[in-house]
Amino acid sequence: MKELTPEEQPRWNTVINGVLRQFISICKEHHLTYFCCGGTAIGAVRHQGMIPWDDDVDVFMPRPDYDRFVQIASKQLPDGLELVTPYNKSDYPLFFVKLCDARTTLQEEQDVPCVYGLYIDIFPIDGAPDDIEAARAMERQFTKTKHKLEAISTHVSFAAYLSLLKTPKEWGRFARKTIGFFFRNWYRQRLLQQMTDISYRYPYESASLVAVYCGSYGPKEVFPKAWLEGTASFPYEGMEVDLPVGYDNYLHQYYGDYMQLPPVEKRVSHHMKAYYNLYERESDEVVWRKAHQD
């Protein structure tokens, strides 16, 4: 695994913020709604830029705008950008899309042979049931399916694979990986369809509650759509970015007192990097080999 050095961090930040700038330009050109979310939203409010120890950019979009963006970006993007989706990259282990700098190289996890460029994450916001408990139950159902997709995307040694049999609680993972090994493409499409069915079950337009099913905060990913019915602009790394009008409610639900700095020992990046090249795109085969040499 590789860690960014202090000398590399400015270049990394420049690249991903350049992707964000072009993403915002596309949204403005096509009248699409987006919001900065997660740590990017905290950075905008608290730091007027990236959180100093962060190394990624997160945005989310209402489902109709998200689908329109994917449709546009799948057909035409500015030079140097690429869109990564679960449908155009067979080893991609996620349901949401990434907008990437195609002139850079990144493999995040050593056992997931998926190579793309430095990126911003783009999450859809979907309609949810009006009943909060029903909405959270759907989020749990989606999360279980999401974890199955991640499991079959992992490539481990045969010895590590068999070691799952030693622990009864890992037998379920062993079964999923066995199915994934022999029927990967079929099982992958089945899981993607299950997640699609959940995502579109309740139309965004008529929902009073919404959910970021692809997120990683569990029941906190369900919240009132009213928080999104307007934008608040903040300076961010030399540009203006949009947050939901209810950003304070949203950030408190996710993080509590988000204006309070975390302890020094927690001011670190949590993202894995098996291999990266900040200056050129390398082939999947070369990256896979280098990721296992380092």
C-alpha atoms as a PDB file:
ATOM      1  CA  MET A   1       0.000   0.000   0.000  1.00  0.00           C
ATOM      2  CA  LYS A   2       1.147   3.531  -0.782  1.00  0.00           C
ATOM      3  CA  GLU A   3       0.593   6.633   1.302  1.00  0.00           C
ATOM      4  CA  LEU A   4       0.628  10.127  -0.106  1.00  0.00           C
ATOM      5  CA  THR A   5       3.721  12.078   0.862  1.00  0.00           C
ATOM      6  CA  PRO A   6       3.521  15.749   1.910  1.00  0.00           C
ATOM      7  CA  GLU A   7       5.181  16.605  -1.396  1.00  0.00           C
ATOM      8  CA  GLU A   8       2.538  14.701  -3.385  1.00  0.00           C
ATOM      9  CA  GLN A   9      -0.523  16.020  -1.532  1.00  0.00           C
ATOM     10  CA  PRO A  10      -0.727  19.390  -3.360  1.00  0.00           C
ATOM     11  CA  ARG A  11      -0.631  17.670  -6.757  1.00  0.00           C
ATOM     12  CA  TRP A  12      -3.314  15.177  -5.642  1.00  0.00           C
ATOM     13  CA  ASN A  13      -5.550  17.992  -4.406  1.00  0.00           C
ATOM     14  CA  THR A  14      -5.040  20.015  -7.587  1.00  0.00           C
ATOM     15  CA  VAL A  15      -6.123  17.075  -9.737  1.00  0.00           C
ATOM     16  CA  ILE A  16      -9.309  16.178  -7.846  1.00  0.00           C
ATOM     17  CA  ASN A  17     -10.352  19.806  -7.441  1.00  0.00           C
ATOM     18  CA  GLY A  18      -9.829  20.231 -11.173  1.00  0.00           C
ATOM     19  CA  VAL A  19     -12.249  17.349 -11.725  1.00  0.00           C
ATOM     20  CA  LEU A  20     -14.742  19.009  -9.357  1.00  0.00           C
ATOM     21  CA  ARG A  21     -14.430  22.301 -11.237  1.00  0.00           C
ATOM     22  CA  GLN A  22     -15.217  20.602 -14.555  1.00  0.00           C
ATOM     23  CA  PHE A  23     -18.085  18.652 -12.984  1.00  0.00           C
ATOM     24  CA  ILE A  24     -19.640  21.897 -11.750  1.00  0.00           C
ATOM     25  CA  SER A  25     -19.222  23.399 -15.224  1.00  0.00           C
ATOM     26  CA  ILE A  26     -21.106  20.467 -16.770  1.00  0.00           C
ATOM     27  CA  CYS A  27     -23.881  20.815 -14.182  1.00  0.00           C
ATOM     28  CA  LYS A  28     -24.242  24.534 -14.893  1.00  0.00           C
ATOM     29  CA  GLU A  29     -24.278  23.997 -18.654  1.00  0.00           C
ATOM     30  CA  HIS A  30     -27.051  21.416 -18.406  1.00  0.00           C
ATOM     31  CA  HIS A  31     -28.947  22.949 -15.457  1.00  0.00           C
ATOM     32  CA  LEU A  32     -28.322  19.993 -13.166  1.00  0.00           C
ATOM     33  CA  THR A  33     -28.605  20.161  -9.382  1.00  0.00           C
ATOM     34  CA  TYR A  34     -25.730  18.860  -7.276  1.00  0.00           C
ATOM     35  CA  PHE A  35     -24.615  19.322  -3.674  1.00  0.00           C
ATOM     36  CA  CYS A  36     -21.281  18.815  -1.991  1.00  0.00           C
ATOM     37  CA  CYS A  37     -21.708  16.237   0.755  1.00  0.00           C
ATOM     38  CA  GLY A  38     -19.800  14.368   3.450  1.00  0.00           C
ATOM     39  CA  GLY A  39     -16.336  15.651   4.259  1.00  0.00           C
ATOM     40  CA  THR A  40     -16.421  17.965   1.249  1.00  0.00           C
ATOM     41  CA  ALA A  41     -19.424  19.773   2.743  1.00  0.00           C
ATOM     42  CA  ILE A  42     -17.651  20.054   6.106  1.00  0.00           C
ATOM     43  CA  GLY A  43     -14.600  21.410   4.304  1.00  0.00           C
ATOM     44  CA  ALA A  44     -16.677  24.061   2.557  1.00  0.00           C
ATOM     45  CA  VAL A  45     -18.376  25.232   5.767  1.00  0.00           C
ATOM     46  CA  ARG A  46     -15.494  24.893   8.223  1.00  0.00           C
ATOM     47  CA  HIS A  47     -12.390  25.454   6.080  1.00  0.00           C
ATOM     48  CA  GLN A  48     -13.668  27.140   2.895  1.00  0.00           C
ATOM     49  CA  GLY A  49     -11.821  24.357   1.079  1.00  0.00           C
ATOM     50  CA  MET A  50     -10.678  20.790   1.562  1.00  0.00           C
ATOM     51  CA  ILE A  51     -10.306  19.447   5.064  1.00  0.00           C
ATOM     52  CA  PRO A  52      -6.489  19.627   5.351  1.00  0.00           C
ATOM     53  CA  TRP A  53      -6.068  15.896   5.993  1.00  0.00           C
ATOM     54  CA  ASP A  54      -8.745  14.755   3.531  1.00  0.00           C
ATOM     55  CA  ASP A  55      -7.966  13.380   0.085  1.00  0.00           C
ATOM     56  CA  ASP A  56     -11.280  13.004  -1.733  1.00  0.00           C
ATOM     57  CA  VAL A  57     -14.285  14.952  -2.982  1.00  0.00           C
ATOM     58  CA  ASP A  58     -17.902  13.822  -2.556  1.00  0.00           C
ATOM     59  CA  VAL A  59     -21.037  15.179  -4.191  1.00  0.00           C
ATOM     60  CA  PHE A  60     -24.568  13.886  -4.434  1.00  0.00           C
ATOM     61  CA  MET A  61     -27.397  14.601  -6.856  1.00  0.00           C
ATOM     62  CA  PRO A  62     -31.169  14.064  -6.843  1.00  0.00           C
ATOM     63  CA  ARG A  63     -31.884  10.911  -8.845  1.00  0.00           C
ATOM     64  CA  PRO A  64     -33.342  12.696 -11.922  1.00  0.00           C
ATOM     65  CA  ASP A  65     -30.274  14.965 -12.149  1.00  0.00           C
ATOM     66  CA  TYR A  66     -27.906  12.071 -11.451  1.00  0.00           C
ATOM     67  CA  ASP A  67     -29.389   9.966 -14.243  1.00  0.00           C
ATOM     68  CA  ARG A  68     -29.242  12.896 -16.635  1.00  0.00           C
ATOM     69  CA  PHE A  69     -25.604  13.555 -15.722  1.00  0.00           C
ATOM     70  CA  VAL A  70     -24.648   9.910 -16.299  1.00  0.00           C
ATOM     71  CA  GLN A  71     -26.427   9.989 -19.649  1.00  0.00           C
ATOM     72  CA  ILE A  72     -24.574  13.142 -20.717  1.00  0.00           C
ATOM     73  CA  ALA A  73     -21.178  12.094 -19.373  1.00  0.00           C
ATOM     74  CA  SER A  74     -21.433   8.640 -20.947  1.00  0.00           C
ATOM     75  CA  LYS A  75     -21.637  10.251 -24.391  1.00  0.00           C
ATOM     76  CA  GLN A  76     -19.332  13.240 -24.165  1.00  0.00           C
ATOM     77  CA  LEU A  77     -16.853  14.610 -21.644  1.00  0.00           C
ATOM     78  CA  PRO A  78     -14.087  17.208 -21.836  1.00  0.00           C
ATOM     79  CA  ASP A  79     -10.683  15.841 -22.786  1.00  0.00           C
ATOM     80  CA  GLY A  80      -8.911  14.254 -19.845  1.00  0.00           C
ATOM     81  CA  LEU A  81     -12.038  13.056 -18.024  1.00  0.00           C
ATOM     82  CA  GLU A  82     -13.613   9.608 -17.798  1.00  0.00           C
ATOM     83  CA  LEU A  83     -16.785   8.321 -16.162  1.00  0.00           C
ATOM     84  CA  VAL A  84     -16.531   5.033 -14.269  1.00  0.00           C
ATOM     85  CA  THR A  85     -19.781   3.168 -13.642  1.00  0.00           C
ATOM     86  CA  PRO A  86     -20.681  -0.384 -12.564  1.00  0.00           C
ATOM     87  CA  TYR A  87     -21.794  -0.979 -16.157  1.00  0.00           C
ATOM     88  CA  ASN A  88     -18.699   0.122 -18.062  1.00  0.00           C
ATOM     89  CA  LYS A  89     -16.057  -1.433 -15.783  1.00  0.00           C
ATOM     90  CA  SER A  90     -16.632  -5.059 -14.880  1.00  0.00           C
ATOM     91  CA  ASP A  91     -14.388  -5.079 -11.787  1.00  0.00           C
ATOM     92  CA  TYR A  92     -15.800  -1.850 -10.340  1.00  0.00           C
ATOM     93  CA  PRO A  93     -17.171  -2.819  -6.893  1.00  0.00           C
ATOM     94  CA  LEU A  94     -19.577   0.096  -6.323  1.00  0.00           C
ATOM     95  CA  PHE A  95     -23.067   1.133  -7.451  1.00  0.00           C
ATOM     96  CA  PHE A  96     -22.445   4.884  -7.758  1.00  0.00           C
ATOM     97  CA  VAL A  97     -20.208   6.580 -10.336  1.00  0.00           C
ATOM     98  CA  LYS A  98     -16.858   8.305 -10.252  1.00  0.00           C
ATOM     99  CA  LEU A  99     -15.757  11.155 -12.497  1.00  0.00           C
ATOM    100  CA  CYS A 100     -12.031  10.644 -13.008  1.00  0.00           C
ATOM    101  CA  ASP A 101      -8.964  12.360 -14.401  1.00  0.00           C
ATOM    102  CA  ALA A 102      -8.010  10.019 -17.251  1.00  0.00           C
ATOM    103  CA  ARG A 103      -4.406  11.256 -17.224  1.00  0.00           C
ATOM    104  CA  THR A 104      -3.700   9.748 -13.803  1.00  0.00           C
ATOM    105  CA  THR A 105      -3.694   6.215 -12.385  1.00  0.00           C
ATOM    106  CA  LEU A 106      -5.199   4.818  -9.209  1.00  0.00           C
ATOM    107  CA  GLN A 107      -5.900   1.377  -7.787  1.00  0.00           C
ATOM    108  CA  GLU A 108      -7.336   1.794  -4.312  1.00  0.00           C
ATOM    109  CA  GLU A 109      -7.406  -1.747  -2.970  1.00  0.00           C
ATOM    110  CA  GLN A 110      -4.787  -4.394  -3.556  1.00  0.00           C
ATOM    111  CA  ASP A 111      -7.317  -7.214  -3.926  1.00  0.00           C
ATOM    112  CA  VAL A 112      -9.740  -5.341  -6.205  1.00  0.00           C
ATOM    113  CA  PRO A 113      -8.152  -5.110  -9.676  1.00  0.00           C
ATOM    114  CA  CYS A 114     -10.013  -1.982 -10.743  1.00  0.00           C
ATOM    115  CA  VAL A 115      -7.944   0.852 -12.210  1.00  0.00           C
ATOM    116  CA  TYR A 116      -9.129   4.386 -12.939  1.00  0.00           C
ATOM    117  CA  GLY A 117      -7.906   7.943 -12.427  1.00  0.00           C
ATOM    118  CA  LEU A 118      -8.043  10.289  -9.453  1.00  0.00           C
ATOM    119  CA  TYR A 119     -11.709  11.071  -8.999  1.00  0.00           C
ATOM    120  CA  ILE A 120     -14.686  12.662  -7.342  1.00  0.00           C
ATOM    121  CA  ASP A 121     -17.467  10.404  -6.028  1.00  0.00           C
ATOM    122  CA  ILE A 122     -20.987  11.148  -7.279  1.00  0.00           C
ATOM    123  CA  PHE A 123     -23.848   9.600  -5.275  1.00  0.00           C
ATOM    124  CA  PRO A 124     -27.527   9.469  -6.267  1.00  0.00           C
ATOM    125  CA  ILE A 125     -30.184  10.625  -3.815  1.00  0.00           C
ATOM    126  CA  ASP A 126     -33.280   8.448  -4.144  1.00  0.00           C
ATOM    127  CA  GLY A 127     -36.854   8.655  -2.996  1.00  0.00           C
ATOM    128  CA  ALA A 128     -37.725   6.611   0.096  1.00  0.00           C
ATOM    129  CA  PRO A 129     -40.926   5.513   1.875  1.00  0.00           C
ATOM    130  CA  ASP A 130     -42.648   8.201   3.934  1.00  0.00           C
ATOM    131  CA  ASP A 131     -42.377   5.992   7.011  1.00  0.00           C
ATOM    132  CA  ILE A 132     -38.900   6.456   8.512  1.00  0.00           C
ATOM    133  CA  GLU A 133     -38.602   2.866   9.735  1.00  0.00           C
ATOM    134  CA  ALA A 134     -39.613   1.480   6.343  1.00  0.00           C
ATOM    135  CA  ALA A 135     -37.056   3.773   4.714  1.00  0.00           C
ATOM    136  CA  ARG A 136     -34.318   2.573   7.049  1.00  0.00           C
ATOM    137  CA  ALA A 137     -35.287  -1.039   6.368  1.00  0.00           C
ATOM    138  CA  MET A 138     -34.803  -0.401   2.650  1.00  0.00           C
ATOM    139  CA  GLU A 139     -31.429   1.157   3.381  1.00  0.00           C
ATOM    140  CA  ARG A 140     -30.408  -1.972   5.295  1.00  0.00           C
ATOM    141  CA  GLN A 141     -31.586  -4.182   2.435  1.00  0.00           C
ATOM    142  CA  PHE A 142     -29.582  -2.135  -0.053  1.00  0.00           C
ATOM    143  CA  THR A 143     -26.487  -2.219   2.152  1.00  0.00           C
ATOM    144  CA  LYS A 144     -26.567  -6.021   2.374  1.00  0.00           C
ATOM    145  CA  THR A 145     -26.711  -6.232  -1.415  1.00  0.00           C
ATOM    146  CA  LYS A 146     -23.965  -3.632  -1.754  1.00  0.00           C
ATOM    147  CA  HIS A 147     -21.674  -5.692   0.466  1.00  0.00           C
ATOM    148  CA  LYS A 148     -22.282  -8.763  -1.703  1.00  0.00           C
ATOM    149  CA  LEU A 149     -21.155  -6.812  -4.767  1.00  0.00           C
ATOM    150  CA  GLU A 150     -18.026  -5.705  -2.944  1.00  0.00           C
ATOM    151  CA  ALA A 151     -17.330  -9.295  -1.846  1.00  0.00           C
ATOM    152  CA  ILE A 152     -17.447 -10.804  -5.335  1.00  0.00           C
ATOM    153  CA  SER A 153     -15.221  -7.997  -6.646  1.00  0.00           C
ATOM    154  CA  THR A 154     -12.363  -8.996  -4.333  1.00  0.00           C
ATOM    155  CA  HIS A 155      -9.644 -11.261  -5.724  1.00  0.00           C
ATOM    156  CA  VAL A 156      -7.713 -13.099  -3.012  1.00  0.00           C
ATOM    157  CA  SER A 157      -5.305 -16.023  -2.979  1.00  0.00           C
ATOM    158  CA  PHE A 158      -6.708 -19.547  -2.920  1.00  0.00           C
ATOM    159  CA  ALA A 159      -5.288 -20.026   0.586  1.00  0.00           C
ATOM    160  CA  ALA A 160      -7.040 -16.899   1.861  1.00  0.00           C
ATOM    161  CA  TYR A 161     -10.221 -18.030   0.161  1.00  0.00           C
ATOM    162  CA  LEU A 162     -10.169 -21.431   1.881  1.00  0.00           C
ATOM    163  CA  SER A 163      -9.326 -19.847   5.234  1.00  0.00           C
ATOM    164  CA  LEU A 164     -12.896 -18.518   5.380  1.00  0.00           C
ATOM    165  CA  LEU A 165     -14.041 -22.071   6.098  1.00  0.00           C
ATOM    166  CA  LYS A 166     -12.200 -22.072   9.421  1.00  0.00           C
ATOM    167  CA  THR A 167     -14.709 -19.687  11.000  1.00  0.00           C
ATOM    168  CA  PRO A 168     -18.437 -20.555  10.890  1.00  0.00           C
ATOM    169  CA  LYS A 169     -19.479 -16.895  10.751  1.00  0.00           C
ATOM    170  CA  GLU A 170     -17.462 -16.544   7.523  1.00  0.00           C
ATOM    171  CA  TRP A 171     -19.245 -19.412   5.756  1.00  0.00           C
ATOM    172  CA  GLY A 172     -21.721 -16.958   4.228  1.00  0.00           C
ATOM    173  CA  ARG A 173     -18.857 -14.997   2.694  1.00  0.00           C
ATOM    174  CA  PHE A 174     -17.355 -18.238   1.414  1.00  0.00           C
ATOM    175  CA  ALA A 175     -20.657 -19.144  -0.260  1.00  0.00           C
ATOM    176  CA  ARG A 176     -20.971 -15.696  -1.880  1.00  0.00           C
ATOM    177  CA  LYS A 177     -17.390 -15.822  -3.107  1.00  0.00           C
ATOM    178  CA  THR A 178     -17.909 -19.331  -4.503  1.00  0.00           C
ATOM    179  CA  ILE A 179     -20.922 -18.104  -6.473  1.00  0.00           C
ATOM    180  CA  GLY A 180     -18.936 -15.039  -7.494  1.00  0.00           C
ATOM    181  CA  PHE A 181     -16.003 -17.150  -8.652  1.00  0.00           C
ATOM    182  CA  PHE A 182     -17.983 -19.506 -10.876  1.00  0.00           C
ATOM    183  CA  PHE A 183     -20.870 -17.226 -11.910  1.00  0.00           C
ATOM    184  CA  ARG A 184     -19.374 -13.760 -11.427  1.00  0.00           C
ATOM    185  CA  ASN A 185     -20.957 -11.976 -14.386  1.00  0.00           C
ATOM    186  CA  TRP A 186     -24.417 -13.446 -13.797  1.00  0.00           C
ATOM    187  CA  TYR A 187     -24.335 -12.788 -10.052  1.00  0.00           C
ATOM    188  CA  ARG A 188     -22.970  -9.281 -10.540  1.00  0.00           C
ATOM    189  CA  GLN A 189     -25.808  -8.358 -12.911  1.00  0.00           C
ATOM    190  CA  ARG A 190     -28.324  -9.842 -10.481  1.00  0.00           C
ATOM    191  CA  LEU A 191     -26.986  -7.724  -7.609  1.00  0.00           C
ATOM    192  CA  LEU A 192     -26.941  -4.570  -9.739  1.00  0.00           C
ATOM    193  CA  GLN A 193     -30.557  -5.192 -10.720  1.00  0.00           C
ATOM    194  CA  GLN A 194     -31.564  -5.666  -7.079  1.00  0.00           C
ATOM    195  CA  MET A 195     -29.957  -2.338  -6.155  1.00  0.00           C
ATOM    196  CA  THR A 196     -31.600  -0.652  -9.129  1.00  0.00           C
ATOM    197  CA  ASP A 197     -35.010  -1.979  -8.066  1.00  0.00           C
ATOM    198  CA  ILE A 198     -34.573  -0.545  -4.563  1.00  0.00           C
ATOM    199  CA  SER A 199     -33.298   2.790  -5.866  1.00  0.00           C
ATOM    200  CA  TYR A 200     -36.260   3.405  -8.183  1.00  0.00           C
ATOM    201  CA  ARG A 201     -39.030   1.938  -6.016  1.00  0.00           C
ATOM    202  CA  TYR A 202     -40.099   5.353  -4.702  1.00  0.00           C
ATOM    203  CA  PRO A 203     -39.860   8.238  -7.201  1.00  0.00           C
ATOM    204  CA  TYR A 204     -37.712  11.104  -5.988  1.00  0.00           C
ATOM    205  CA  GLU A 205     -40.167  13.715  -7.235  1.00  0.00           C
ATOM    206  CA  SER A 206     -43.047  12.619  -4.972  1.00  0.00           C
ATOM    207  CA  ALA A 207     -41.037  11.524  -1.918  1.00  0.00           C
ATOM    208  CA  SER A 208     -40.943  13.408   1.380  1.00  0.00           C
ATOM    209  CA  LEU A 209     -38.019  11.330   2.670  1.00  0.00           C
ATOM    210  CA  VAL A 210     -34.934  10.551   0.612  1.00  0.00           C
ATOM    211  CA  ALA A 211     -31.999   8.191   1.018  1.00  0.00           C
ATOM    212  CA  VAL A 212     -28.400   8.009  -0.124  1.00  0.00           C
ATOM    213  CA  TYR A 213     -28.460   4.229  -0.386  1.00  0.00           C
ATOM    214  CA  CYS A 214     -24.904   4.097  -1.730  1.00  0.00           C
ATOM    215  CA  GLY A 215     -23.537   5.923   1.309  1.00  0.00           C
ATOM    216  CA  SER A 216     -21.777   4.378   4.272  1.00  0.00           C
ATOM    217  CA  TYR A 217     -23.551   5.957   7.257  1.00  0.00           C
ATOM    218  CA  GLY A 218     -26.405   3.478   7.640  1.00  0.00           C
ATOM    219  CA  PRO A 219     -29.689   4.927   8.954  1.00  0.00           C
ATOM    220  CA  LYS A 220     -28.207   8.437   8.879  1.00  0.00           C
ATOM    221  CA  GLU A 221     -28.459   8.240   5.089  1.00  0.00           C
ATOM    222  CA  VAL A 222     -32.247   8.759   5.339  1.00  0.00           C
ATOM    223  CA  PHE A 223     -33.434  12.351   5.792  1.00  0.00           C
ATOM    224  CA  PRO A 224     -36.182  14.832   4.764  1.00  0.00           C
ATOM    225  CA  LYS A 225     -36.136  15.978   1.155  1.00  0.00           C
ATOM    226  CA  ALA A 226     -36.927  19.465   2.469  1.00  0.00           C
ATOM    227  CA  TRP A 227     -33.242  19.782   3.404  1.00  0.00           C
ATOM    228  CA  LEU A 228     -32.444  19.701  -0.320  1.00  0.00           C
ATOM    229  CA  GLU A 229     -35.045  22.145  -1.576  1.00  0.00           C
ATOM    230  CA  GLY A 230     -32.643  24.999  -2.166  1.00  0.00           C
ATOM    231  CA  THR A 231     -28.911  25.632  -2.261  1.00  0.00           C
ATOM    232  CA  ALA A 232     -26.358  27.466  -0.137  1.00  0.00           C
ATOM    233  CA  SER A 233     -23.123  28.573  -1.809  1.00  0.00           C
ATOM    234  CA  PHE A 234     -19.718  28.448  -0.144  1.00  0.00           C
ATOM    235  CA  PRO A 235     -16.176  29.278  -1.274  1.00  0.00           C
ATOM    236  CA  TYR A 236     -14.109  26.164  -1.848  1.00  0.00           C
ATOM    237  CA  GLU A 237     -10.546  26.034  -3.156  1.00  0.00           C
ATOM    238  CA  GLY A 238     -10.958  29.110  -5.339  1.00  0.00           C
ATOM    239  CA  MET A 239     -14.454  28.262  -6.599  1.00  0.00           C
ATOM    240  CA  GLU A 240     -18.047  28.477  -5.412  1.00  0.00           C
ATOM    241  CA  VAL A 241     -19.766  25.196  -4.552  1.00  0.00           C
ATOM    242  CA  ASP A 242     -23.358  24.334  -3.665  1.00  0.00           C
ATOM    243  CA  LEU A 243     -24.494  22.695  -0.443  1.00  0.00           C
ATOM    244  CA  PRO A 244     -28.091  21.810   0.449  1.00  0.00           C
ATOM    245  CA  VAL A 245     -30.027  24.663   2.012  1.00  0.00           C
ATOM    246  CA  GLY A 246     -30.463  22.368   5.025  1.00  0.00           C
ATOM    247  CA  TYR A 247     -26.737  21.656   5.259  1.00  0.00           C
ATOM    248  CA  ASP A 248     -26.629  22.319   9.009  1.00  0.00           C
ATOM    249  CA  ASN A 249     -29.322  19.705   9.740  1.00  0.00           C
ATOM    250  CA  TYR A 250     -27.700  17.288   7.305  1.00  0.00           C
ATOM    251  CA  LEU A 251     -24.198  17.647   8.745  1.00  0.00           C
ATOM    252  CA  HIS A 252     -25.416  17.438  12.341  1.00  0.00           C
ATOM    253  CA  GLN A 253     -27.292  14.218  11.548  1.00  0.00           C
ATOM    254  CA  TYR A 254     -24.199  12.663   9.984  1.00  0.00           C
ATOM    255  CA  TYR A 255     -21.417  14.028  12.186  1.00  0.00           C
ATOM    256  CA  GLY A 256     -22.818  15.700  15.290  1.00  0.00           C
ATOM    257  CA  ASP A 257     -20.825  18.849  16.143  1.00  0.00           C
ATOM    258  CA  TYR A 258     -19.151  19.064  12.754  1.00  0.00           C
ATOM    259  CA  MET A 259     -17.552  22.446  13.489  1.00  0.00           C
ATOM    260  CA  GLN A 260     -15.442  20.869  16.236  1.00  0.00           C
ATOM    261  CA  LEU A 261     -12.065  19.683  14.968  1.00  0.00           C
ATOM    262  CA  PRO A 262     -11.350  15.993  15.664  1.00  0.00           C
ATOM    263  CA  PRO A 263      -8.433  14.977  17.905  1.00  0.00           C
ATOM    264  CA  VAL A 264      -5.042  15.290  16.226  1.00  0.00           C
ATOM    265  CA  GLU A 265      -4.606  11.509  16.018  1.00  0.00           C
ATOM    266  CA  LYS A 266      -7.798  11.232  13.944  1.00  0.00           C
ATOM    267  CA  ARG A 267      -6.787  13.854  11.399  1.00  0.00           C
ATOM    268  CA  VAL A 268      -5.735  11.284   8.817  1.00  0.00           C
ATOM    269  CA  SER A 269      -6.989   9.993   5.490  1.00  0.00           C
ATOM    270  CA  HIS A 270      -9.032   6.802   5.612  1.00  0.00           C
ATOM    271  CA  HIS A 271      -8.748   5.900   1.937  1.00  0.00           C
ATOM    272  CA  MET A 272      -6.621   2.992   0.759  1.00  0.00           C
ATOM    273  CA  LYS A 273      -4.208   3.326  -2.142  1.00  0.00           C
ATOM    274  CA  ALA A 274      -2.629   0.179  -3.492  1.00  0.00           C
ATOM    275  CA  TYR A 275      -0.959   2.150  -6.276  1.00  0.00           C
ATOM    276  CA  TYR A 276      -1.132   5.584  -7.890  1.00  0.00           C
ATOM    277  CA  ASN A 277       0.586   7.684 -10.524  1.00  0.00           C
ATOM    278  CA  LEU A 278      -0.226  11.380 -10.412  1.00  0.00           C
ATOM    279  CA  TYR A 279       1.162  12.166 -13.858  1.00  0.00           C
ATOM    280  CA  GLU A 280       0.166   9.461 -16.340  1.00  0.00           C
ATOM    281  CA  ARG A 281      -2.241   6.608 -17.020  1.00  0.00           C
ATOM    282  CA  GLU A 282      -0.739   3.142 -16.848  1.00  0.00           C
ATOM    283  CA  SER A 283      -2.308  -0.055 -18.151  1.00  0.00           C
ATOM    284  CA  ASP A 284      -4.347  -2.313 -15.878  1.00  0.00           C
ATOM    285  CA  GLU A 285      -1.792  -5.107 -16.235  1.00  0.00           C
ATOM    286  CA  VAL A 286       1.130  -2.885 -15.246  1.00  0.00           C
ATOM    287  CA  VAL A 287      -0.770  -1.441 -12.284  1.00  0.00           C
ATOM    288  CA  TRP A 288      -1.867  -4.872 -11.035  1.00  0.00           C
ATOM    289  CA  ARG A 289       1.748  -6.049 -11.093  1.00  0.00           C
ATOM    290  CA  LYS A 290       3.089  -2.939  -9.372  1.00  0.00           C
ATOM    291  CA  ALA A 291       0.343  -2.975  -6.741  1.00  0.00           C
ATOM    292  CA  HIS A 292       1.476  -6.428  -5.669  1.00  0.00           C
ATOM    293  CA  GLN A 293       5.163  -5.551  -5.732  1.00  0.00           C
ATOM    294  CA  ASP A 294       4.924  -2.570  -3.368  1.00  0.00           C
END
